C-alpha atoms as a PDB file:
ATOM      1  CA  MET A   1     136.257 122.227 112.311  1.00  0.00           C
ATOM      2  CA  ARG A   2     134.705 119.362 110.383  1.00  0.00           C
ATOM      3  CA  LYS A   3     131.948 118.975 112.990  1.00  0.00           C
ATOM      4  CA  LEU A   4     131.233 122.701 112.790  1.00  0.00           C
ATOM      5  CA  ALA A   5     130.935 122.530 108.984  1.00  0.00           C
ATOM      6  CA  LEU A   6     128.571 119.558 109.201  1.00  0.00           C
ATOM      7  CA  ALA A   7     126.459 121.388 111.775  1.00  0.00           C
ATOM      8  CA  VAL A   8     126.240 124.470 109.526  1.00  0.00           C
ATOM      9  CA  LEU A   9     125.271 122.337 106.519  1.00  0.00           C
ATOM     10  CA  GLY A  10     122.656 120.520 108.592  1.00  0.00           C
ATOM     11  CA  ALA A  11     121.160 123.781 109.809  1.00  0.00           C
ATOM     12  CA  ALA A  12     121.071 125.130 106.264  1.00  0.00           C
ATOM     13  CA  ALA A  13     119.349 122.004 104.980  1.00  0.00           C
ATOM     14  CA  LEU A  14     116.813 122.204 107.803  1.00  0.00           C
ATOM     15  CA  ALA A  15     116.117 125.848 107.017  1.00  0.00           C
ATOM     16  CA  LEU A  16     115.654 125.081 103.321  1.00  0.00           C
ATOM     17  CA  GLY A  17     113.330 122.200 104.174  1.00  0.00           C
ATOM     18  CA  SER A  18     111.283 124.416 106.472  1.00  0.00           C
ATOM     19  CA  ALA A  19     111.041 127.115 103.821  1.00  0.00           C
ATOM     20  CA  SER A  20     109.971 124.550 101.229  1.00  0.00           C
ATOM     21  CA  ALA A  21     107.317 123.145 103.564  1.00  0.00           C
ATOM     22  CA  ALA A  22     106.050 126.654 104.245  1.00  0.00           C
ATOM     23  CA  ASP A  23     105.639 127.210 100.493  1.00  0.00           C
ATOM     24  CA  GLU A  24     103.414 124.145 100.106  1.00  0.00           C
ATOM     25  CA  PRO A  25      99.714 125.091  99.932  1.00  0.00           C
ATOM     26  CA  LYS A  26      97.444 123.779 102.654  1.00  0.00           C
ATOM     27  CA  LEU A  27      95.034 121.054 101.665  1.00  0.00           C
ATOM     28  CA  PRO A  28      91.425 122.226 101.364  1.00  0.00           C
ATOM     29  CA  VAL A  29      89.321 120.734 104.148  1.00  0.00           C
ATOM     30  CA  GLU A  30      86.381 118.825 102.690  1.00  0.00           C
ATOM     31  CA  HIS A  31      83.372 117.573 104.661  1.00  0.00           C
ATOM     32  CA  TRP A  32      83.150 113.773 104.690  1.00  0.00           C
ATOM     33  CA  SER A  33      80.106 111.872 105.890  1.00  0.00           C
ATOM     34  CA  PHE A  34      82.371 109.212 107.429  1.00  0.00           C
ATOM     35  CA  ASP A  35      84.269 111.631 109.695  1.00  0.00           C
ATOM     36  CA  GLY A  36      83.801 111.444 113.460  1.00  0.00           C
ATOM     37  CA  ILE A  37      82.945 108.567 115.783  1.00  0.00           C
ATOM     38  CA  ARG A  38      79.432 108.308 114.339  1.00  0.00           C
ATOM     39  CA  GLY A  39      80.428 108.791 110.704  1.00  0.00           C
ATOM     40  CA  THR A  40      78.888 106.591 108.018  1.00  0.00           C
ATOM     41  CA  TYR A  41      79.404 106.215 104.296  1.00  0.00           C
ATOM     42  CA  ASP A  42      76.983 107.967 101.966  1.00  0.00           C
ATOM     43  CA  ARG A  43      75.708 105.072  99.794  1.00  0.00           C
ATOM     44  CA  ALA A  44      74.735 107.339  96.903  1.00  0.00           C
ATOM     45  CA  ALA A  45      78.220 108.905  96.908  1.00  0.00           C
ATOM     46  CA  LEU A  46      79.800 105.440  97.087  1.00  0.00           C
ATOM     47  CA  GLN A  47      77.914 104.255  94.028  1.00  0.00           C
ATOM     48  CA  ARG A  48      78.725 107.419  92.090  1.00  0.00           C
ATOM     49  CA  GLY A  49      82.348 107.113  93.197  1.00  0.00           C
ATOM     50  CA  PHE A  50      82.551 103.536  91.962  1.00  0.00           C
ATOM     51  CA  GLN A  51      81.150 104.700  88.627  1.00  0.00           C
ATOM     52  CA  VAL A  52      83.884 107.360  88.393  1.00  0.00           C
ATOM     53  CA  TYR A  53      86.520 104.758  89.268  1.00  0.00           C
ATOM     54  CA  LYS A  54      85.109 102.267  86.744  1.00  0.00           C
ATOM     55  CA  GLU A  55      84.747 104.714  83.858  1.00  0.00           C
ATOM     56  CA  VAL A  56      87.814 106.900  84.471  1.00  0.00           C
ATOM     57  CA  CYS A  57      90.343 105.674  87.020  1.00  0.00           C
ATOM     58  CA  SER A  58      90.279 101.942  86.188  1.00  0.00           C
ATOM     59  CA  VAL A  59      91.892 102.649  82.807  1.00  0.00           C
ATOM     60  CA  CYS A  60      95.227 102.906  84.653  1.00  0.00           C
ATOM     61  CA  HIS A  61      94.696 102.157  88.360  1.00  0.00           C
ATOM     62  CA  ALA A  62      93.811  98.866  90.036  1.00  0.00           C
ATOM     63  CA  VAL A  63      92.027  98.177  93.323  1.00  0.00           C
ATOM     64  CA  GLN A  64      93.625  94.783  93.808  1.00  0.00           C
ATOM     65  CA  TYR A  65      92.188  94.056  97.260  1.00  0.00           C
ATOM     66  CA  LEU A  66      88.540  94.395  96.195  1.00  0.00           C
ATOM     67  CA  TYR A  67      86.246  91.699  94.825  1.00  0.00           C
ATOM     68  CA  TYR A  68      83.056  92.270  92.868  1.00  0.00           C
ATOM     69  CA  ARG A  69      81.075  90.749  95.748  1.00  0.00           C
ATOM     70  CA  ASP A  70      82.329  93.599  97.962  1.00  0.00           C
ATOM     71  CA  LEU A  71      80.261  96.032  95.879  1.00  0.00           C
ATOM     72  CA  GLY A  72      77.167  94.844  97.709  1.00  0.00           C
ATOM     73  CA  ASP A  73      78.363  97.007 100.617  1.00  0.00           C
ATOM     74  CA  LEU A  74      77.883 100.061  98.383  1.00  0.00           C
ATOM     75  CA  GLY A  75      74.152  99.438  98.249  1.00  0.00           C
ATOM     76  CA  PHE A  76      74.069  97.428  95.007  1.00  0.00           C
ATOM     77  CA  SER A  77      71.645  94.503  94.955  1.00  0.00           C
ATOM     78  CA  PRO A  78      72.948  90.929  94.317  1.00  0.00           C
ATOM     79  CA  GLU A  79      71.593  91.141  90.764  1.00  0.00           C
ATOM     80  CA  GLU A  80      73.388  94.458  90.178  1.00  0.00           C
ATOM     81  CA  VAL A  81      76.626  93.008  91.549  1.00  0.00           C
ATOM     82  CA  LYS A  82      76.345  90.045  89.168  1.00  0.00           C
ATOM     83  CA  ALA A  83      75.697  92.415  86.257  1.00  0.00           C
ATOM     84  CA  LEU A  84      78.682  94.609  87.168  1.00  0.00           C
ATOM     85  CA  ALA A  85      80.945  91.561  87.429  1.00  0.00           C
ATOM     86  CA  ALA A  86      79.701  90.161  84.121  1.00  0.00           C
ATOM     87  CA  GLN A  87      80.755  93.326  82.303  1.00  0.00           C
ATOM     88  CA  ALA A  88      84.404  92.369  82.896  1.00  0.00           C
ATOM     89  CA  GLN A  89      86.374  89.708  81.053  1.00  0.00           C
ATOM     90  CA  VAL A  90      88.386  87.485  83.400  1.00  0.00           C
ATOM     91  CA  ASN A  91      91.254  85.171  82.487  1.00  0.00           C
ATOM     92  CA  ASP A  92      90.568  81.554  83.448  1.00  0.00           C
ATOM     93  CA  LEU A  93      91.436  77.986  82.434  1.00  0.00           C
ATOM     94  CA  ASN A  94      89.198  75.537  80.613  1.00  0.00           C
ATOM     95  CA  ASP A  95      89.065  71.773  81.233  1.00  0.00           C
ATOM     96  CA  GLN A  96      92.096  71.294  78.972  1.00  0.00           C
ATOM     97  CA  GLY A  97      94.162  73.791  80.962  1.00  0.00           C
ATOM     98  CA  GLU A  98      94.055  76.393  78.196  1.00  0.00           C
ATOM     99  CA  THR A  99      93.748  80.087  78.985  1.00  0.00           C
ATOM    100  CA  ILE A 100      90.326  81.491  78.170  1.00  0.00           C
ATOM    101  CA  GLN A 101      88.363  84.612  78.960  1.00  0.00           C
ATOM    102  CA  ARG A 102      84.944  84.501  80.568  1.00  0.00           C
ATOM    103  CA  PRO A 103      82.502  87.020  82.054  1.00  0.00           C
ATOM    104  CA  GLY A 104      83.360  87.968  85.605  1.00  0.00           C
ATOM    105  CA  ARG A 105      81.615  86.563  88.670  1.00  0.00           C
ATOM    106  CA  PRO A 106      80.987  88.154  92.081  1.00  0.00           C
ATOM    107  CA  SER A 107      83.716  85.904  93.520  1.00  0.00           C
ATOM    108  CA  ASP A 108      86.358  87.360  91.157  1.00  0.00           C
ATOM    109  CA  PRO A 109      88.708  90.184  92.170  1.00  0.00           C
ATOM    110  CA  ILE A 110      88.014  93.430  90.322  1.00  0.00           C
ATOM    111  CA  VAL A 111      89.907  93.214  87.051  1.00  0.00           C
ATOM    112  CA  ARG A 112      93.210  95.078  86.892  1.00  0.00           C
ATOM    113  CA  PRO A 113      93.955  97.299  83.870  1.00  0.00           C
ATOM    114  CA  TYR A 114      97.369  95.671  83.354  1.00  0.00           C
ATOM    115  CA  PRO A 115      98.481  92.087  84.079  1.00  0.00           C
ATOM    116  CA  ASN A 116     101.566  93.231  85.997  1.00  0.00           C
ATOM    117  CA  ASP A 117     103.711  96.259  86.850  1.00  0.00           C
ATOM    118  CA  LEU A 118     106.079  95.734  83.914  1.00  0.00           C
ATOM    119  CA  ALA A 119     103.192  95.846  81.460  1.00  0.00           C
ATOM    120  CA  ALA A 120     101.892  99.023  83.123  1.00  0.00           C
ATOM    121  CA  ARG A 121     105.284 100.752  82.875  1.00  0.00           C
ATOM    122  CA  ALA A 122     105.693  99.698  79.254  1.00  0.00           C
ATOM    123  CA  ALA A 123     102.313 101.170  78.367  1.00  0.00           C
ATOM    124  CA  LEU A 124     102.829 104.425  80.274  1.00  0.00           C
ATOM    125  CA  ASN A 125     106.364 105.486  79.359  1.00  0.00           C
ATOM    126  CA  GLY A 126     107.870 104.081  82.542  1.00  0.00           C
ATOM    127  CA  ALA A 127     105.317 105.536  84.976  1.00  0.00           C
ATOM    128  CA  LEU A 128     103.660 103.100  87.383  1.00  0.00           C
ATOM    129  CA  PRO A 129     100.138 104.091  88.469  1.00  0.00           C
ATOM    130  CA  PRO A 130      99.713 103.297  92.171  1.00  0.00           C
ATOM    131  CA  ASP A 131      97.124 100.785  93.280  1.00  0.00           C
ATOM    132  CA  LEU A 132      94.201 102.703  94.785  1.00  0.00           C
ATOM    133  CA  SER A 133      92.981 100.120  97.295  1.00  0.00           C
ATOM    134  CA  LEU A 134      94.708 101.839 100.223  1.00  0.00           C
ATOM    135  CA  ILE A 135      95.556 105.209  98.697  1.00  0.00           C
ATOM    136  CA  THR A 136      93.653 107.262 101.285  1.00  0.00           C
ATOM    137  CA  LYS A 137      95.621 105.512 104.043  1.00  0.00           C
ATOM    138  CA  ALA A 138      98.961 105.594 102.241  1.00  0.00           C
ATOM    139  CA  ARG A 139      99.103 109.351 101.612  1.00  0.00           C
ATOM    140  CA  GLU A 140      99.527 112.026 104.247  1.00  0.00           C
ATOM    141  CA  GLY A 141      96.305 113.995 104.408  1.00  0.00           C
ATOM    142  CA  GLY A 142      94.201 110.945 103.561  1.00  0.00           C
ATOM    143  CA  PRO A 143      90.990 111.693 101.661  1.00  0.00           C
ATOM    144  CA  ASP A 144      91.636 115.447 101.791  1.00  0.00           C
ATOM    145  CA  TYR A 145      94.885 114.902  99.860  1.00  0.00           C
ATOM    146  CA  VAL A 146      93.248 112.695  97.203  1.00  0.00           C
ATOM    147  CA  PHE A 147      90.411 115.197  96.785  1.00  0.00           C
ATOM    148  CA  ALA A 148      92.861 118.112  96.561  1.00  0.00           C
ATOM    149  CA  LEU A 149      95.063 116.294  94.043  1.00  0.00           C
ATOM    150  CA  LEU A 150      92.129 115.636  91.712  1.00  0.00           C
ATOM    151  CA  ASN A 151      91.191 119.321  91.884  1.00  0.00           C
ATOM    152  CA  GLY A 152      94.764 120.614  91.838  1.00  0.00           C
ATOM    153  CA  TYR A 153      95.466 120.804  88.106  1.00  0.00           C
ATOM    154  CA  VAL A 154      96.009 124.488  87.395  1.00  0.00           C
ATOM    155  CA  PRO A 155      98.198 126.442  84.952  1.00  0.00           C
ATOM    156  CA  PRO A 156     101.795 126.526  86.225  1.00  0.00           C
ATOM    157  CA  PRO A 157     103.401 129.776  87.354  1.00  0.00           C
ATOM    158  CA  THR A 158     105.499 131.442  84.665  1.00  0.00           C
ATOM    159  CA  SER A 159     108.622 130.801  86.738  1.00  0.00           C
ATOM    160  CA  VAL A 160     108.094 127.019  86.729  1.00  0.00           C
ATOM    161  CA  LYS A 161     109.353 124.896  83.844  1.00  0.00           C
ATOM    162  CA  ILE A 162     107.389 121.672  83.436  1.00  0.00           C
ATOM    163  CA  ALA A 163     109.403 118.641  82.350  1.00  0.00           C
ATOM    164  CA  GLU A 164     108.312 116.850  79.206  1.00  0.00           C
ATOM    165  CA  GLY A 165     105.506 114.387  79.855  1.00  0.00           C
ATOM    166  CA  LEU A 166     104.626 115.878  83.248  1.00  0.00           C
ATOM    167  CA  ASN A 167     101.748 118.053  84.402  1.00  0.00           C
ATOM    168  CA  TYR A 168     101.539 120.804  86.997  1.00  0.00           C
ATOM    169  CA  ASN A 169      99.508 120.019  90.108  1.00  0.00           C
ATOM    170  CA  LEU A 170      99.238 122.425  93.019  1.00  0.00           C
ATOM    171  CA  TYR A 171      99.063 119.745  95.712  1.00  0.00           C
ATOM    172  CA  PHE A 172     101.376 117.020  94.379  1.00  0.00           C
ATOM    173  CA  PRO A 173     104.802 116.992  96.112  1.00  0.00           C
ATOM    174  CA  GLY A 174     107.137 118.841  93.760  1.00  0.00           C
ATOM    175  CA  HIS A 175     104.082 119.955  91.741  1.00  0.00           C
ATOM    176  CA  GLN A 176     105.007 117.880  88.679  1.00  0.00           C
ATOM    177  CA  ILE A 177     103.005 114.700  88.148  1.00  0.00           C
ATOM    178  CA  ALA A 178     102.954 112.159  85.339  1.00  0.00           C
ATOM    179  CA  MET A 179      99.182 111.664  85.499  1.00  0.00           C
ATOM    180  CA  PRO A 180      97.296 114.085  83.237  1.00  0.00           C
ATOM    181  CA  PRO A 181      94.088 115.634  84.622  1.00  0.00           C
ATOM    182  CA  PRO A 182      91.810 112.581  84.934  1.00  0.00           C
ATOM    183  CA  LEU A 183      88.524 114.437  85.457  1.00  0.00           C
ATOM    184  CA  SER A 184      86.631 116.949  83.375  1.00  0.00           C
ATOM    185  CA  ASP A 185      83.122 118.308  83.728  1.00  0.00           C
ATOM    186  CA  GLY A 186      80.592 115.873  82.295  1.00  0.00           C
ATOM    187  CA  ALA A 187      83.078 112.991  82.043  1.00  0.00           C
ATOM    188  CA  VAL A 188      80.455 110.604  83.435  1.00  0.00           C
ATOM    189  CA  THR A 189      76.660 110.627  83.570  1.00  0.00           C
ATOM    190  CA  PHE A 190      75.260 109.774  86.983  1.00  0.00           C
ATOM    191  CA  ALA A 191      72.053 107.739  87.119  1.00  0.00           C
ATOM    192  CA  ASP A 192      70.654 109.953  89.888  1.00  0.00           C
ATOM    193  CA  ASN A 193      71.186 113.079  87.727  1.00  0.00           C
ATOM    194  CA  THR A 194      73.780 114.544  90.108  1.00  0.00           C
ATOM    195  CA  PRO A 195      75.804 117.154  88.139  1.00  0.00           C
ATOM    196  CA  SER A 196      79.141 115.572  87.216  1.00  0.00           C
ATOM    197  CA  THR A 197      81.416 118.511  87.932  1.00  0.00           C
ATOM    198  CA  VAL A 198      85.095 117.891  88.647  1.00  0.00           C
ATOM    199  CA  LYS A 199      84.578 118.721  92.325  1.00  0.00           C
ATOM    200  CA  GLN A 200      81.577 116.398  92.634  1.00  0.00           C
ATOM    201  CA  MET A 201      83.328 113.505  90.902  1.00  0.00           C
ATOM    202  CA  ALA A 202      86.470 114.054  92.999  1.00  0.00           C
ATOM    203  CA  HIS A 203      84.378 114.009  96.188  1.00  0.00           C
ATOM    204  CA  ASP A 204      82.507 110.850  95.192  1.00  0.00           C
ATOM    205  CA  VAL A 205      85.504 108.845  93.993  1.00  0.00           C
ATOM    206  CA  THR A 206      87.428 109.841  97.134  1.00  0.00           C
ATOM    207  CA  THR A 207      84.510 108.586  99.224  1.00  0.00           C
ATOM    208  CA  PHE A 208      84.646 105.284  97.309  1.00  0.00           C
ATOM    209  CA  LEU A 209      88.404 104.978  97.790  1.00  0.00           C
ATOM    210  CA  SER A 210      88.049 105.751 101.513  1.00  0.00           C
ATOM    211  CA  TRP A 211      85.566 102.893 101.761  1.00  0.00           C
ATOM    212  CA  ALA A 212      87.932 100.643  99.771  1.00  0.00           C
ATOM    213  CA  ALA A 213      90.702 101.373 102.290  1.00  0.00           C
ATOM    214  CA  GLU A 214      88.469 100.859 105.325  1.00  0.00           C
ATOM    215  CA  PRO A 215      85.244  98.986 104.529  1.00  0.00           C
ATOM    216  CA  SER A 216      84.747  98.061 108.207  1.00  0.00           C
ATOM    217  CA  LEU A 217      84.701 101.702 109.386  1.00  0.00           C
ATOM    218  CA  GLU A 218      80.965 101.790 110.096  1.00  0.00           C
ATOM    219  CA  THR A 219      81.112  98.558 112.115  1.00  0.00           C
ATOM    220  CA  ARG A 220      84.069  99.900 114.060  1.00  0.00           C
ATOM    221  CA  HIS A 221      82.269 103.174 114.789  1.00  0.00           C
ATOM    222  CA  TYR A 222      79.082 101.349 115.837  1.00  0.00           C
ATOM    223  CA  THR A 223      81.020  98.960 118.084  1.00  0.00           C
ATOM    224  CA  GLY A 224      83.010 101.828 119.587  1.00  0.00           C
ATOM    225  CA  VAL A 225      79.842 103.734 120.538  1.00  0.00           C
ATOM    226  CA  LYS A 226      78.377 100.619 122.173  1.00  0.00           C
ATOM    227  CA  VAL A 227      81.580  99.954 124.096  1.00  0.00           C
ATOM    228  CA  MET A 228      81.784 103.546 125.337  1.00  0.00           C
ATOM    229  CA  ALA A 229      78.143 103.420 126.457  1.00  0.00           C
ATOM    230  CA  PHE A 230      78.782 100.121 128.248  1.00  0.00           C
ATOM    231  CA  LEU A 231      81.848 101.532 130.023  1.00  0.00           C
ATOM    232  CA  LEU A 232      79.945 104.641 131.131  1.00  0.00           C
ATOM    233  CA  VAL A 233      77.150 102.507 132.607  1.00  0.00           C
ATOM    234  CA  CYS A 234      79.708 100.272 134.332  1.00  0.00           C
ATOM    235  CA  ALA A 235      81.537 103.288 135.739  1.00  0.00           C
ATOM    236  CA  GLY A 236      78.264 104.596 137.190  1.00  0.00           C
ATOM    237  CA  LEU A 237      77.422 101.214 138.729  1.00  0.00           C
ATOM    238  CA  PHE A 238      80.912 100.809 140.184  1.00  0.00           C
ATOM    239  CA  TYR A 239      80.727 104.278 141.716  1.00  0.00           C
ATOM    240  CA  ALA A 240      77.300 103.551 143.238  1.00  0.00           C
ATOM    241  CA  VAL A 241      78.524 100.240 144.679  1.00  0.00           C
ATOM    242  CA  LYS A 242      81.624 101.915 146.071  1.00  0.00           C
ATOM    243  CA  ARG A 243      79.476 104.572 147.780  1.00  0.00           C
ATOM    244  CA  LYS A 244      77.239 101.876 149.240  1.00  0.00           C
ATOM    245  CA  VAL A 245      80.068  99.640 150.485  1.00  0.00           C
ATOM    246  CA  TRP A 246      82.081 102.466 152.029  1.00  0.00           C
ATOM    247  CA  ALA A 247      79.144 104.534 153.288  1.00  0.00           C
ATOM    248  CA  GLU A 248      79.619 103.703 157.007  1.00  0.00           C
ATOM    249  CA  ILE A 249      83.357 104.401 156.905  1.00  0.00           C
ATOM    250  CA  HIS A 250      82.895 107.794 155.261  1.00  0.00           C
END
């Protein structure tokens, strides 16, 4: 009897889970230049995306695995990388072992908004903003999910009660998220005069975060194409040799 009850409860839970999953909206499918075996990163989008991260996202979110020198991969010149690093103030020690602040250098990691997780929680009413270095790899849906989340702030249905301090987001699991809408039209001014709409900024910063999670993607794609071409040539040669060697027997 007990086993039967557990089976019924399990089936009910599975049915509820399936119904809940069916209610979740599908992620919008966005075109990414880095998709496919020959995909590459759009350098202009990467630079705009870094600007969005720097001016908007970096207020709360870190990219702890990136160094300023890595920004050269985005198409910035060495002088531009030095200038970007110098805009940050980095904690260091002087010759007497005292803590000082100095302008950043290309060899420094990109400065975090908070010194540690406890400081971040204290400043944000207990919420801990996730590090964004690997966010497109850590979330199901990858870049499509990040893009959808940034565009998913809409008025809640009348039947949904939003908890205090939370915001309604169409694509966030459970639909209630502590992060307020981070983007608004015109929030940044792009140097190339690209219109800074929410959708454009979301696309560009997602491209930047995809690069941050996988900076070697282009090398991997290029190497993969060369390896496949090499294997195809080898397969053709092996087949020709086999035909030659076994010609008399056949």
